[in-house]
mmCIF file of all heavy atoms, coordinates in Angstrom:
data_MODEL
# 
_entry.id   MODEL 
# 
loop_
_atom_site.group_PDB 
_atom_site.id 
_atom_site.type_symbol 
_atom_site.label_atom_id 
_atom_site.label_alt_id 
_atom_site.label_comp_id 
_atom_site.label_asym_id 
_atom_site.label_entity_id 
_atom_site.label_seq_id 
_atom_site.pdbx_PDB_ins_code 
_atom_site.Cartn_x 
_atom_site.Cartn_y 
_atom_site.Cartn_z 
_atom_site.occupancy 
_atom_site.B_iso_or_equiv 
_atom_site.pdbx_formal_charge 
_atom_site.auth_seq_id 
_atom_site.auth_comp_id 
_atom_site.auth_asym_id 
_atom_site.auth_atom_id 
_atom_site.pdbx_PDB_model_num 
ATOM 1   N N   . SER A 1 1  ? -115.109 -280.267 82.417  1.00 0.00 ? 1  SER A N   1 
ATOM 2   C CA  . SER A 1 1  ? -114.600 -280.150 81.051  1.00 0.00 ? 1  SER A CA  1 
ATOM 3   C C   . SER A 1 1  ? -115.734 -280.426 80.072  1.00 0.00 ? 1  SER A C   1 
ATOM 4   O O   . SER A 1 1  ? -116.782 -280.969 80.457  1.00 0.00 ? 1  SER A O   1 
ATOM 5   C CB  . SER A 1 1  ? -113.468 -281.158 80.826  1.00 0.00 ? 1  SER A CB  1 
ATOM 6   O OG  . SER A 1 1  ? -112.388 -280.908 81.698  1.00 0.00 ? 1  SER A OG  1 
ATOM 7   N N   . PRO A 1 2  ? -115.574 -280.076 78.805  1.00 0.00 ? 2  PRO A N   1 
ATOM 8   C CA  . PRO A 1 2  ? -116.612 -280.360 77.817  1.00 0.00 ? 2  PRO A CA  1 
ATOM 9   C C   . PRO A 1 2  ? -116.991 -281.840 77.801  1.00 0.00 ? 2  PRO A C   1 
ATOM 10  O O   . PRO A 1 2  ? -116.116 -282.715 77.873  1.00 0.00 ? 2  PRO A O   1 
ATOM 11  C CB  . PRO A 1 2  ? -115.964 -279.938 76.498  1.00 0.00 ? 2  PRO A CB  1 
ATOM 12  C CG  . PRO A 1 2  ? -114.994 -278.881 76.895  1.00 0.00 ? 2  PRO A CG  1 
ATOM 13  C CD  . PRO A 1 2  ? -114.456 -279.302 78.221  1.00 0.00 ? 2  PRO A CD  1 
ATOM 14  N N   . ASP A 1 3  ? -118.292 -282.100 77.775  1.00 0.00 ? 3  ASP A N   1 
ATOM 15  C CA  . ASP A 1 3  ? -118.866 -283.452 77.756  1.00 0.00 ? 3  ASP A CA  1 
ATOM 16  C C   . ASP A 1 3  ? -118.665 -284.230 79.059  1.00 0.00 ? 3  ASP A C   1 
ATOM 17  O O   . ASP A 1 3  ? -119.043 -285.402 79.139  1.00 0.00 ? 3  ASP A O   1 
ATOM 18  C CB  . ASP A 1 3  ? -118.310 -284.283 76.589  1.00 0.00 ? 3  ASP A CB  1 
ATOM 19  C CG  . ASP A 1 3  ? -118.799 -283.775 75.245  1.00 0.00 ? 3  ASP A CG  1 
ATOM 20  O OD1 . ASP A 1 3  ? -119.958 -283.315 75.191  1.00 0.00 ? 3  ASP A OD1 1 
ATOM 21  O OD2 . ASP A 1 3  ? -118.025 -283.824 74.281  1.00 0.00 ? 3  ASP A OD2 1 
ATOM 22  N N   . GLU A 1 4  ? -118.098 -283.601 80.077  1.00 0.00 ? 4  GLU A N   1 
ATOM 23  C CA  . GLU A 1 4  ? -117.893 -284.291 81.355  1.00 0.00 ? 4  GLU A CA  1 
ATOM 24  C C   . GLU A 1 4  ? -119.170 -284.236 82.193  1.00 0.00 ? 4  GLU A C   1 
ATOM 25  O O   . GLU A 1 4  ? -119.877 -283.232 82.228  1.00 0.00 ? 4  GLU A O   1 
ATOM 26  C CB  . GLU A 1 4  ? -116.738 -283.665 82.132  1.00 0.00 ? 4  GLU A CB  1 
ATOM 27  C CG  . GLU A 1 4  ? -116.400 -284.411 83.424  1.00 0.00 ? 4  GLU A CG  1 
ATOM 28  C CD  . GLU A 1 4  ? -115.245 -283.776 84.195  1.00 0.00 ? 4  GLU A CD  1 
ATOM 29  O OE1 . GLU A 1 4  ? -114.739 -282.726 83.747  1.00 0.00 ? 4  GLU A OE1 1 
ATOM 30  O OE2 . GLU A 1 4  ? -114.875 -284.324 85.248  1.00 0.00 ? 4  GLU A OE2 1 
ATOM 31  N N   . THR A 1 5  ? -119.447 -285.342 82.881  1.00 0.00 ? 5  THR A N   1 
ATOM 32  C CA  . THR A 1 5  ? -120.607 -285.450 83.760  1.00 0.00 ? 5  THR A CA  1 
ATOM 33  C C   . THR A 1 5  ? -120.144 -285.796 85.166  1.00 0.00 ? 5  THR A C   1 
ATOM 34  O O   . THR A 1 5  ? -119.178 -286.545 85.349  1.00 0.00 ? 5  THR A O   1 
ATOM 35  C CB  . THR A 1 5  ? -121.578 -286.546 83.266  1.00 0.00 ? 5  THR A CB  1 
ATOM 36  O OG1 . THR A 1 5  ? -122.019 -286.227 81.948  1.00 0.00 ? 5  THR A OG1 1 
ATOM 37  C CG2 . THR A 1 5  ? -122.790 -286.665 84.179  1.00 0.00 ? 5  THR A CG2 1 
ATOM 38  N N   . THR A 1 6  ? -120.828 -285.245 86.160  1.00 0.00 ? 6  THR A N   1 
ATOM 39  C CA  . THR A 1 6  ? -120.527 -285.614 87.546  1.00 0.00 ? 6  THR A CA  1 
ATOM 40  C C   . THR A 1 6  ? -121.821 -285.670 88.332  1.00 0.00 ? 6  THR A C   1 
ATOM 41  O O   . THR A 1 6  ? -122.857 -285.135 87.906  1.00 0.00 ? 6  THR A O   1 
ATOM 42  C CB  . THR A 1 6  ? -119.545 -284.614 88.199  1.00 0.00 ? 6  THR A CB  1 
ATOM 43  O OG1 . THR A 1 6  ? -119.072 -285.148 89.431  1.00 0.00 ? 6  THR A OG1 1 
ATOM 44  C CG2 . THR A 1 6  ? -120.211 -283.269 88.476  1.00 0.00 ? 6  THR A CG2 1 
ATOM 45  N N   . SER A 1 7  ? -121.758 -286.323 89.465  1.00 0.00 ? 7  SER A N   1 
ATOM 46  C CA  . SER A 1 7  ? -122.910 -286.421 90.354  1.00 0.00 ? 7  SER A CA  1 
ATOM 47  C C   . SER A 1 7  ? -122.627 -285.602 91.605  1.00 0.00 ? 7  SER A C   1 
ATOM 48  O O   . SER A 1 7  ? -121.560 -285.729 92.217  1.00 0.00 ? 7  SER A O   1 
ATOM 49  C CB  . SER A 1 7  ? -123.168 -287.885 90.723  1.00 0.00 ? 7  SER A CB  1 
ATOM 50  O OG  . SER A 1 7  ? -124.284 -287.996 91.580  1.00 0.00 ? 7  SER A OG  1 
ATOM 51  N N   . LEU A 1 8  ? -123.563 -284.756 91.961  1.00 0.00 ? 8  LEU A N   1 
ATOM 52  C CA  . LEU A 1 8  ? -123.437 -283.930 93.155  1.00 0.00 ? 8  LEU A CA  1 
ATOM 53  C C   . LEU A 1 8  ? -124.372 -284.455 94.233  1.00 0.00 ? 8  LEU A C   1 
ATOM 54  O O   . LEU A 1 8  ? -125.501 -284.856 93.947  1.00 0.00 ? 8  LEU A O   1 
ATOM 55  C CB  . LEU A 1 8  ? -123.786 -282.472 92.847  1.00 0.00 ? 8  LEU A CB  1 
ATOM 56  C CG  . LEU A 1 8  ? -122.998 -281.777 91.741  1.00 0.00 ? 8  LEU A CG  1 
ATOM 57  C CD1 . LEU A 1 8  ? -123.520 -280.362 91.537  1.00 0.00 ? 8  LEU A CD1 1 
ATOM 58  C CD2 . LEU A 1 8  ? -121.509 -281.758 92.052  1.00 0.00 ? 8  LEU A CD2 1 
ATOM 59  N N   . SER A 1 9  ? -123.901 -284.426 95.469  1.00 0.00 ? 9  SER A N   1 
ATOM 60  C CA  . SER A 1 9  ? -124.696 -284.920 96.586  1.00 0.00 ? 9  SER A CA  1 
ATOM 61  C C   . SER A 1 9  ? -124.900 -283.824 97.623  1.00 0.00 ? 9  SER A C   1 
ATOM 62  O O   . SER A 1 9  ? -123.994 -283.032 97.895  1.00 0.00 ? 9  SER A O   1 
ATOM 63  C CB  . SER A 1 9  ? -124.005 -286.119 97.251  1.00 0.00 ? 9  SER A CB  1 
ATOM 64  O OG  . SER A 1 9  ? -123.869 -287.185 96.335  1.00 0.00 ? 9  SER A OG  1 
ATOM 65  N N   . PHE A 1 10 ? -126.084 -283.794 98.194  1.00 0.00 ? 10 PHE A N   1 
ATOM 66  C CA  . PHE A 1 10 ? -126.414 -282.855 99.264  1.00 0.00 ? 10 PHE A CA  1 
ATOM 67  C C   . PHE A 1 10 ? -127.125 -283.628 100.374 1.00 0.00 ? 10 PHE A C   1 
ATOM 68  O O   . PHE A 1 10 ? -127.774 -284.648 100.125 1.00 0.00 ? 10 PHE A O   1 
ATOM 69  C CB  . PHE A 1 10 ? -127.352 -281.749 98.758  1.00 0.00 ? 10 PHE A CB  1 
ATOM 70  C CG  . PHE A 1 10 ? -126.829 -280.976 97.588  1.00 0.00 ? 10 PHE A CG  1 
ATOM 71  C CD1 . PHE A 1 10 ? -127.141 -281.362 96.283  1.00 0.00 ? 10 PHE A CD1 1 
ATOM 72  C CD2 . PHE A 1 10 ? -126.027 -279.863 97.765  1.00 0.00 ? 10 PHE A CD2 1 
ATOM 73  C CE1 . PHE A 1 10 ? -126.677 -280.644 95.192  1.00 0.00 ? 10 PHE A CE1 1 
ATOM 74  C CE2 . PHE A 1 10 ? -125.559 -279.131 96.677  1.00 0.00 ? 10 PHE A CE2 1 
ATOM 75  C CZ  . PHE A 1 10 ? -125.879 -279.524 95.393  1.00 0.00 ? 10 PHE A CZ  1 
ATOM 76  N N   . LYS A 1 11 ? -127.024 -283.103 101.576 1.00 0.00 ? 11 LYS A N   1 
ATOM 77  C CA  . LYS A 1 11 ? -127.722 -283.709 102.701 1.00 0.00 ? 11 LYS A CA  1 
ATOM 78  C C   . LYS A 1 11 ? -128.432 -282.619 103.488 1.00 0.00 ? 11 LYS A C   1 
ATOM 79  O O   . LYS A 1 11 ? -127.839 -281.595 103.833 1.00 0.00 ? 11 LYS A O   1 
ATOM 80  C CB  . LYS A 1 11 ? -126.757 -284.470 103.604 1.00 0.00 ? 11 LYS A CB  1 
ATOM 81  C CG  . LYS A 1 11 ? -127.428 -285.201 104.767 1.00 0.00 ? 11 LYS A CG  1 
ATOM 82  C CD  . LYS A 1 11 ? -126.400 -285.950 105.607 1.00 0.00 ? 11 LYS A CD  1 
ATOM 83  C CE  . LYS A 1 11 ? -125.840 -287.140 104.845 1.00 0.00 ? 11 LYS A CE  1 
ATOM 84  N NZ  . LYS A 1 11 ? -124.939 -287.965 105.698 1.00 0.00 ? 11 LYS A NZ  1 
ATOM 85  N N   . LEU A 1 12 ? -129.711 -282.838 103.755 1.00 0.00 ? 12 LEU A N   1 
ATOM 86  C CA  . LEU A 1 12 ? -130.497 -281.911 104.560 1.00 0.00 ? 12 LEU A CA  1 
ATOM 87  C C   . LEU A 1 12 ? -130.981 -282.622 105.813 1.00 0.00 ? 12 LEU A C   1 
ATOM 88  O O   . LEU A 1 12 ? -131.442 -283.766 105.749 1.00 0.00 ? 12 LEU A O   1 
ATOM 89  C CB  . LEU A 1 12 ? -131.710 -281.389 103.784 1.00 0.00 ? 12 LEU A CB  1 
ATOM 90  C CG  . LEU A 1 12 ? -131.459 -280.548 102.531 1.00 0.00 ? 12 LEU A CG  1 
ATOM 91  C CD1 . LEU A 1 12 ? -132.786 -280.168 101.887 1.00 0.00 ? 12 LEU A CD1 1 
ATOM 92  C CD2 . LEU A 1 12 ? -130.655 -279.307 102.858 1.00 0.00 ? 12 LEU A CD2 1 
ATOM 93  N N   . THR A 1 13 ? -130.865 -281.955 106.959 1.00 0.00 ? 13 THR A N   1 
ATOM 94  C CA  . THR A 1 13 ? -131.418 -282.481 108.191 1.00 0.00 ? 13 THR A CA  1 
ATOM 95  C C   . THR A 1 13 ? -132.864 -282.005 108.325 1.00 0.00 ? 13 THR A C   1 
ATOM 96  O O   . THR A 1 13 ? -133.315 -281.113 107.598 1.00 0.00 ? 13 THR A O   1 
ATOM 97  C CB  . THR A 1 13 ? -130.621 -281.998 109.403 1.00 0.00 ? 13 THR A CB  1 
ATOM 98  O OG1 . THR A 1 13 ? -130.784 -280.571 109.540 1.00 0.00 ? 13 THR A OG1 1 
ATOM 99  C CG2 . THR A 1 13 ? -129.138 -282.316 109.229 1.00 0.00 ? 13 THR A CG2 1 
ATOM 100 N N   . SER A 1 14 ? -133.574 -282.567 109.268 1.00 0.00 ? 14 SER A N   1 
ATOM 101 C CA  . SER A 1 14 ? -134.951 -282.120 109.485 1.00 0.00 ? 14 SER A CA  1 
ATOM 102 C C   . SER A 1 14 ? -134.974 -280.660 109.926 1.00 0.00 ? 14 SER A C   1 
ATOM 103 O O   . SER A 1 14 ? -135.914 -279.926 109.609 1.00 0.00 ? 14 SER A O   1 
ATOM 104 C CB  . SER A 1 14 ? -135.646 -283.000 110.526 1.00 0.00 ? 14 SER A CB  1 
ATOM 105 O OG  . SER A 1 14 ? -134.949 -282.976 111.756 1.00 0.00 ? 14 SER A OG  1 
ATOM 106 N N   . ASP A 1 15 ? -133.918 -280.217 110.618 1.00 0.00 ? 15 ASP A N   1 
ATOM 107 C CA  . ASP A 1 15 ? -133.859 -278.823 111.035 1.00 0.00 ? 15 ASP A CA  1 
ATOM 108 C C   . ASP A 1 15 ? -133.755 -277.894 109.831 1.00 0.00 ? 15 ASP A C   1 
ATOM 109 O O   . ASP A 1 15 ? -134.274 -276.778 109.850 1.00 0.00 ? 15 ASP A O   1 
ATOM 110 C CB  . ASP A 1 15 ? -132.669 -278.601 111.969 1.00 0.00 ? 15 ASP A CB  1 
ATOM 111 C CG  . ASP A 1 15 ? -132.746 -277.277 112.706 1.00 0.00 ? 15 ASP A CG  1 
ATOM 112 O OD1 . ASP A 1 15 ? -133.720 -277.066 113.451 1.00 0.00 ? 15 ASP A OD1 1 
ATOM 113 O OD2 . ASP A 1 15 ? -131.843 -276.440 112.516 1.00 0.00 ? 15 ASP A OD2 1 
ATOM 114 N N   . ASP A 1 16 ? -133.088 -278.355 108.781 1.00 0.00 ? 16 ASP A N   1 
ATOM 115 C CA  . ASP A 1 16 ? -132.971 -277.553 107.557 1.00 0.00 ? 16 ASP A CA  1 
ATOM 116 C C   . ASP A 1 16 ? -134.322 -277.327 106.890 1.00 0.00 ? 16 ASP A C   1 
ATOM 117 O O   . ASP A 1 16 ? -134.495 -276.368 106.131 1.00 0.00 ? 16 ASP A O   1 
ATOM 118 C CB  . ASP A 1 16 ? -132.045 -278.236 106.543 1.00 0.00 ? 16 ASP A CB  1 
ATOM 119 C CG  . ASP A 1 16 ? -130.593 -278.253 106.985 1.00 0.00 ? 16 ASP A CG  1 
ATOM 120 O OD1 . ASP A 1 16 ? -130.138 -277.245 107.552 1.00 0.00 ? 16 ASP A OD1 1 
ATOM 121 O OD2 . ASP A 1 16 ? -129.921 -279.277 106.759 1.00 0.00 ? 16 ASP A OD2 1 
ATOM 122 N N   . LEU A 1 17 ? -135.262 -278.200 107.156 1.00 0.00 ? 17 LEU A N   1 
ATOM 123 C CA  . LEU A 1 17 ? -136.565 -278.128 106.495 1.00 0.00 ? 17 LEU A CA  1 
ATOM 124 C C   . LEU A 1 17 ? -137.615 -277.404 107.326 1.00 0.00 ? 17 LEU A C   1 
ATOM 125 O O   . LEU A 1 17 ? -138.760 -277.251 106.887 1.00 0.00 ? 17 LEU A O   1 
ATOM 126 C CB  . LEU A 1 17 ? -137.052 -279.540 106.160 1.00 0.00 ? 17 LEU A CB  1 
ATOM 127 C CG  . LEU A 1 17 ? -136.149 -280.334 105.200 1.00 0.00 ? 17 LEU A CG  1 
ATOM 128 C CD1 . LEU A 1 17 ? -136.696 -281.728 104.988 1.00 0.00 ? 17 LEU A CD1 1 
ATOM 129 C CD2 . LEU A 1 17 ? -135.998 -279.623 103.868 1.00 0.00 ? 17 LEU A CD2 1 
ATOM 130 N N   . LYS A 1 18 ? -137.243 -276.956 108.509 1.00 0.00 ? 18 LYS A N   1 
ATOM 131 C CA  . LYS A 1 18 ? -138.190 -276.232 109.348 1.00 0.00 ? 18 LYS A CA  1 
ATOM 132 C C   . LYS A 1 18 ? -138.383 -274.806 108.843 1.00 0.00 ? 18 LYS A C   1 
ATOM 133 O O   . LYS A 1 18 ? -137.495 -274.215 108.235 1.00 0.00 ? 18 LYS A O   1 
ATOM 134 C CB  . LYS A 1 18 ? -137.710 -276.207 110.798 1.00 0.00 ? 18 LYS A CB  1 
ATOM 135 C CG  . LYS A 1 18 ? -137.783 -277.560 111.483 1.00 0.00 ? 18 LYS A CG  1 
ATOM 136 C CD  . LYS A 1 18 ? -137.295 -277.475 112.924 1.00 0.00 ? 18 LYS A CD  1 
ATOM 137 C CE  . LYS A 1 18 ? -137.396 -278.836 113.612 1.00 0.00 ? 18 LYS A CE  1 
ATOM 138 N NZ  . LYS A 1 18 ? -136.892 -278.772 115.010 1.00 0.00 ? 18 LYS A NZ  1 
ATOM 139 N N   . LEU A 1 19 ? -139.544 -274.250 109.122 1.00 0.00 ? 19 LEU A N   1 
ATOM 140 C CA  . LEU A 1 19 ? -139.878 -272.877 108.753 1.00 0.00 ? 19 LEU A CA  1 
ATOM 141 C C   . LEU A 1 19 ? -140.079 -272.049 110.018 1.00 0.00 ? 19 LEU A C   1 
ATOM 142 O O   . LEU A 1 19 ? -140.281 -272.584 111.104 1.00 0.00 ? 19 LEU A O   1 
ATOM 143 C CB  . LEU A 1 19 ? -141.148 -272.847 107.908 1.00 0.00 ? 19 LEU A CB  1 
ATOM 144 C CG  . LEU A 1 19 ? -141.116 -273.641 106.595 1.00 0.00 ? 19 LEU A CG  1 
ATOM 145 C CD1 . LEU A 1 19 ? -142.495 -273.592 105.933 1.00 0.00 ? 19 LEU A CD1 1 
ATOM 146 C CD2 . LEU A 1 19 ? -140.051 -273.108 105.648 1.00 0.00 ? 19 LEU A CD2 1 
ATOM 147 N N   . PHE A 1 20 ? -140.032 -270.742 109.868 1.00 0.00 ? 20 PHE A N   1 
ATOM 148 C CA  . PHE A 1 20 ? -140.220 -269.846 111.002 1.00 0.00 ? 20 PHE A CA  1 
ATOM 149 C C   . PHE A 1 20 ? -141.677 -269.392 111.070 1.00 0.00 ? 20 PHE A C   1 
ATOM 150 O O   . PHE A 1 20 ? -142.249 -268.956 110.066 1.00 0.00 ? 20 PHE A O   1 
ATOM 151 C CB  . PHE A 1 20 ? -139.311 -268.627 110.879 1.00 0.00 ? 20 PHE A CB  1 
ATOM 152 C CG  . PHE A 1 20 ? -137.865 -268.929 111.152 1.00 0.00 ? 20 PHE A CG  1 
ATOM 153 C CD1 . PHE A 1 20 ? -137.026 -269.360 110.139 1.00 0.00 ? 20 PHE A CD1 1 
ATOM 154 C CD2 . PHE A 1 20 ? -137.337 -268.785 112.429 1.00 0.00 ? 20 PHE A CD2 1 
ATOM 155 C CE1 . PHE A 1 20 ? -135.692 -269.637 110.383 1.00 0.00 ? 20 PHE A CE1 1 
ATOM 156 C CE2 . PHE A 1 20 ? -136.012 -269.061 112.686 1.00 0.00 ? 20 PHE A CE2 1 
ATOM 157 C CZ  . PHE A 1 20 ? -135.182 -269.497 111.660 1.00 0.00 ? 20 PHE A CZ  1 
ATOM 158 N N   . ASP A 1 21 ? -142.244 -269.465 112.285 1.00 0.00 ? 21 ASP A N   1 
ATOM 159 C CA  . ASP A 1 21 ? -143.604 -268.970 112.454 1.00 0.00 ? 21 ASP A CA  1 
ATOM 160 C C   . ASP A 1 21 ? -143.582 -267.486 112.839 1.00 0.00 ? 21 ASP A C   1 
ATOM 161 O O   . ASP A 1 21 ? -142.513 -266.864 112.886 1.00 0.00 ? 21 ASP A O   1 
ATOM 162 C CB  . ASP A 1 21 ? -144.375 -269.802 113.483 1.00 0.00 ? 21 ASP A CB  1 
ATOM 163 C CG  . ASP A 1 21 ? -143.791 -269.698 114.895 1.00 0.00 ? 21 ASP A CG  1 
ATOM 164 O OD1 . ASP A 1 21 ? -142.963 -268.798 115.148 1.00 0.00 ? 21 ASP A OD1 1 
ATOM 165 O OD2 . ASP A 1 21 ? -144.176 -270.520 115.749 1.00 0.00 ? 21 ASP A OD2 1 
ATOM 166 N N   . LYS A 1 22 ? -144.732 -266.924 113.133 1.00 0.00 ? 22 LYS A N   1 
ATOM 167 C CA  . LYS A 1 22 ? -144.818 -265.492 113.419 1.00 0.00 ? 22 LYS A CA  1 
ATOM 168 C C   . LYS A 1 22 ? -144.074 -265.093 114.687 1.00 0.00 ? 22 LYS A C   1 
ATOM 169 O O   . LYS A 1 22 ? -143.681 -263.937 114.855 1.00 0.00 ? 22 LYS A O   1 
ATOM 170 C CB  . LYS A 1 22 ? -146.282 -265.071 113.530 1.00 0.00 ? 22 LYS A CB  1 
ATOM 171 C CG  . LYS A 1 22 ? -147.029 -265.078 112.207 1.00 0.00 ? 22 LYS A CG  1 
ATOM 172 C CD  . LYS A 1 22 ? -148.457 -264.579 112.367 1.00 0.00 ? 22 LYS A CD  1 
ATOM 173 C CE  . LYS A 1 22 ? -149.177 -264.537 111.029 1.00 0.00 ? 22 LYS A CE  1 
ATOM 174 N NZ  . LYS A 1 22 ? -150.574 -264.038 111.167 1.00 0.00 ? 22 LYS A NZ  1 
ATOM 175 N N   . GLU A 1 23 ? -143.882 -266.045 115.594 1.00 0.00 ? 23 GLU A N   1 
ATOM 176 C CA  . GLU A 1 23 ? -143.167 -265.758 116.835 1.00 0.00 ? 23 GLU A CA  1 
ATOM 177 C C   . GLU A 1 23 ? -141.665 -265.948 116.700 1.00 0.00 ? 23 GLU A C   1 
ATOM 178 O O   . GLU A 1 23 ? -140.923 -265.821 117.674 1.00 0.00 ? 23 GLU A O   1 
ATOM 179 C CB  . GLU A 1 23 ? -143.700 -266.659 117.960 1.00 0.00 ? 23 GLU A CB  1 
ATOM 180 C CG  . GLU A 1 23 ? -145.070 -266.249 118.498 1.00 0.00 ? 23 GLU A CG  1 
ATOM 181 C CD  . GLU A 1 23 ? -146.187 -266.536 117.514 1.00 0.00 ? 23 GLU A CD  1 
ATOM 182 O OE1 . GLU A 1 23 ? -146.195 -267.642 116.933 1.00 0.00 ? 23 GLU A OE1 1 
ATOM 183 O OE2 . GLU A 1 23 ? -147.027 -265.634 117.292 1.00 0.00 ? 23 GLU A OE2 1 
ATOM 184 N N   . GLY A 1 24 ? -141.221 -266.288 115.499 1.00 0.00 ? 24 GLY A N   1 
ATOM 185 C CA  . GLY A 1 24 ? -139.798 -266.479 115.287 1.00 0.00 ? 24 GLY A CA  1 
ATOM 186 C C   . GLY A 1 24 ? -139.290 -267.851 115.687 1.00 0.00 ? 24 GLY A C   1 
ATOM 187 O O   . GLY A 1 24 ? -138.077 -268.061 115.786 1.00 0.00 ? 24 GLY A O   1 
ATOM 188 N N   . LYS A 1 25 ? -140.187 -268.789 115.897 1.00 0.00 ? 25 LYS A N   1 
ATOM 189 C CA  . LYS A 1 25 ? -139.793 -270.144 116.281 1.00 0.00 ? 25 LYS A CA  1 
ATOM 190 C C   . LYS A 1 25 ? -139.689 -271.028 115.038 1.00 0.00 ? 25 LYS A C   1 
ATOM 191 O O   . LYS A 1 25 ? -140.526 -270.941 114.130 1.00 0.00 ? 25 LYS A O   1 
ATOM 192 C CB  . LYS A 1 25 ? -140.816 -270.742 117.250 1.00 0.00 ? 25 LYS A CB  1 
ATOM 193 C CG  . LYS A 1 25 ? -141.066 -269.910 118.499 1.00 0.00 ? 25 LYS A CG  1 
ATOM 194 C CD  . LYS A 1 25 ? -139.842 -269.826 119.385 1.00 0.00 ? 25 LYS A CD  1 
ATOM 195 C CE  . LYS A 1 25 ? -140.148 -269.075 120.674 1.00 0.00 ? 25 LYS A CE  1 
ATOM 196 N NZ  . LYS A 1 25 ? -138.945 -268.905 121.513 1.00 0.00 ? 25 LYS A NZ  1 
ATOM 197 N N   . LYS A 1 26 ? -138.674 -271.877 115.022 1.00 0.00 ? 26 LYS A N   1 
ATOM 198 C CA  . LYS A 1 26 ? -138.539 -272.836 113.925 1.00 0.00 ? 26 LYS A CA  1 
ATOM 199 C C   . LYS A 1 26 ? -139.459 -274.015 114.207 1.00 0.00 ? 26 LYS A C   1 
ATOM 200 O O   . LYS A 1 26 ? -139.356 -274.647 115.263 1.00 0.00 ? 26 LYS A O   1 
ATOM 201 C CB  . LYS A 1 26 ? -137.091 -273.312 113.795 1.00 0.00 ? 26 LYS A CB  1 
ATOM 202 C CG  . LYS A 1 26 ? -136.139 -272.249 113.303 1.00 0.00 ? 26 LYS A CG  1 
ATOM 203 C CD  . LYS A 1 26 ? -134.724 -272.788 113.098 1.00 0.00 ? 26 LYS A CD  1 
ATOM 204 C CE  . LYS A 1 26 ? -134.600 -273.559 111.814 1.00 0.00 ? 26 LYS A CE  1 
ATOM 205 N NZ  . LYS A 1 26 ? -133.189 -273.908 111.493 1.00 0.00 ? 26 LYS A NZ  1 
ATOM 206 N N   . ILE A 1 27 ? -140.333 -274.274 113.268 1.00 0.00 ? 27 ILE A N   1 
ATOM 207 C CA  . ILE A 1 27 ? -141.293 -275.355 113.486 1.00 0.00 ? 27 ILE A CA  1 
ATOM 208 C C   . ILE A 1 27 ? -141.294 -276.320 112.300 1.00 0.00 ? 27 ILE A C   1 
ATOM 209 O O   . ILE A 1 27 ? -140.941 -275.963 111.181 1.00 0.00 ? 27 ILE A O   1 
ATOM 210 C CB  . ILE A 1 27 ? -142.727 -274.809 113.714 1.00 0.00 ? 27 ILE A CB  1 
ATOM 211 C CG1 . ILE A 1 27 ? -143.235 -274.097 112.454 1.00 0.00 ? 27 ILE A CG1 1 
ATOM 212 C CG2 . ILE A 1 27 ? -142.776 -273.868 114.910 1.00 0.00 ? 27 ILE A CG2 1 
ATOM 213 C CD1 . ILE A 1 27 ? -144.721 -273.792 112.498 1.00 0.00 ? 27 ILE A CD1 1 
ATOM 214 N N   . TRP A 1 28 ? -141.678 -277.533 112.604 1.00 0.00 ? 28 TRP A N   1 
ATOM 215 C CA  . TRP A 1 28 ? -141.853 -278.563 111.579 1.00 0.00 ? 28 TRP A CA  1 
ATOM 216 C C   . TRP A 1 28 ? -143.251 -278.394 111.005 1.00 0.00 ? 28 TRP A C   1 
ATOM 217 O O   . TRP A 1 28 ? -144.247 -278.738 111.630 1.00 0.00 ? 28 TRP A O   1 
ATOM 218 C CB  . TRP A 1 28 ? -141.675 -279.935 112.214 1.00 0.00 ? 28 TRP A CB  1 
ATOM 219 C CG  . TRP A 1 28 ? -141.787 -281.099 111.286 1.00 0.00 ? 28 TRP A CG  1 
ATOM 220 C CD1 . TRP A 1 28 ? -142.866 -281.912 111.122 1.00 0.00 ? 28 TRP A CD1 1 
ATOM 221 C CD2 . TRP A 1 28 ? -140.778 -281.594 110.413 1.00 0.00 ? 28 TRP A CD2 1 
ATOM 222 N NE1 . TRP A 1 28 ? -142.598 -282.891 110.191 1.00 0.00 ? 28 TRP A NE1 1 
ATOM 223 C CE2 . TRP A 1 28 ? -141.318 -282.732 109.740 1.00 0.00 ? 28 TRP A CE2 1 
ATOM 224 C CE3 . TRP A 1 28 ? -139.473 -281.212 110.113 1.00 0.00 ? 28 TRP A CE3 1 
ATOM 225 C CZ2 . TRP A 1 28 ? -140.599 -283.457 108.810 1.00 0.00 ? 28 TRP A CZ2 1 
ATOM 226 C CZ3 . TRP A 1 28 ? -138.752 -281.946 109.192 1.00 0.00 ? 28 TRP A CZ3 1 
ATOM 227 C CH2 . TRP A 1 28 ? -139.310 -283.047 108.544 1.00 0.00 ? 28 TRP A CH2 1 
# 
């Protein structure tokens, strides 16, 4: 609503932060 404030929370695991290399493997 107008002037209303809320706090949002998120959770990321270490797996969520991994990237894919050229071989398609998820790596840290």
